Amino acid sequence: MSQHQAVVVFNILQITAKDED
């Protein structure tokens, strides 16, 4: 997994966490 891909996944998780909150 490239570093850029990891950043994208991390951002998606952050957005999902915010949406759940």
N, C-alpha and C. Protein backbone atom coordinates (compact mmCIF):
# COMPACT_ATOMS: atom_id res chain seq x y z
N MET A 1 0.87 -1.21 0.00
CA MET A 1 0.00 0.00 0.00
C MET A 1 0.89 1.24 0.00
N SER A 2 0.62 2.14 -0.92
CA SER A 2 1.42 3.36 -0.99
C SER A 2 1.03 4.32 0.12
N GLN A 3 1.92 5.25 0.41
CA GLN A 3 1.64 6.20 1.50
C GLN A 3 0.42 7.05 1.17
N HIS A 4 0.29 7.46 -0.09
CA HIS A 4 -0.85 8.28 -0.50
C HIS A 4 -2.16 7.52 -0.27
N GLN A 5 -2.15 6.24 -0.60
CA GLN A 5 -3.35 5.42 -0.43
C GLN A 5 -3.73 5.35 1.05
N ALA A 6 -2.71 5.24 1.91
CA ALA A 6 -2.97 5.17 3.35
C ALA A 6 -3.61 6.46 3.83
N VAL A 7 -3.15 7.59 3.31
CA VAL A 7 -3.72 8.89 3.70
C VAL A 7 -5.18 8.98 3.29
N VAL A 8 -5.47 8.50 2.09
CA VAL A 8 -6.85 8.53 1.59
C VAL A 8 -7.76 7.68 2.48
N VAL A 9 -7.30 6.47 2.80
CA VAL A 9 -8.08 5.59 3.66
C VAL A 9 -8.28 6.23 5.03
N PHE A 10 -7.24 6.84 5.56
CA PHE A 10 -7.33 7.48 6.87
C PHE A 10 -8.38 8.59 6.85
N ASN A 11 -8.37 9.38 5.80
CA ASN A 11 -9.35 10.47 5.68
C ASN A 11 -10.77 9.93 5.61
N ILE A 12 -10.95 8.84 4.89
CA ILE A 12 -12.28 8.23 4.78
C ILE A 12 -12.74 7.76 6.15
N LEU A 13 -11.84 7.15 6.90
CA LEU A 13 -12.21 6.69 8.24
C LEU A 13 -12.57 7.87 9.14
N GLN A 14 -11.83 8.96 9.03
CA GLN A 14 -12.12 10.14 9.83
C GLN A 14 -13.50 10.70 9.49
N ILE A 15 -13.82 10.77 8.21
CA ILE A 15 -15.12 11.29 7.77
C ILE A 15 -16.23 10.38 8.27
N THR A 16 -16.00 9.08 8.19
CA THR A 16 -17.01 8.12 8.66
C THR A 16 -17.24 8.27 10.15
N ALA A 17 -16.17 8.45 10.90
CA ALA A 17 -16.28 8.60 12.35
C ALA A 17 -17.07 9.87 12.68
N LYS A 18 -16.80 10.94 11.94
CA LYS A 18 -17.52 12.19 12.17
C LYS A 18 -18.99 12.02 11.85
N ASP A 19 -19.27 11.31 10.76
CA ASP A 19 -20.66 11.12 10.33
C ASP A 19 -21.43 10.31 11.37
N GLU A 20 -20.75 9.34 12.01
CA GLU A 20 -21.42 8.52 13.02
C GLU A 20 -21.67 9.35 14.28
N ASP A 21 -20.78 10.27 14.57
CA ASP A 21 -20.93 11.09 15.77
C ASP A 21 -22.03 12.07 15.57
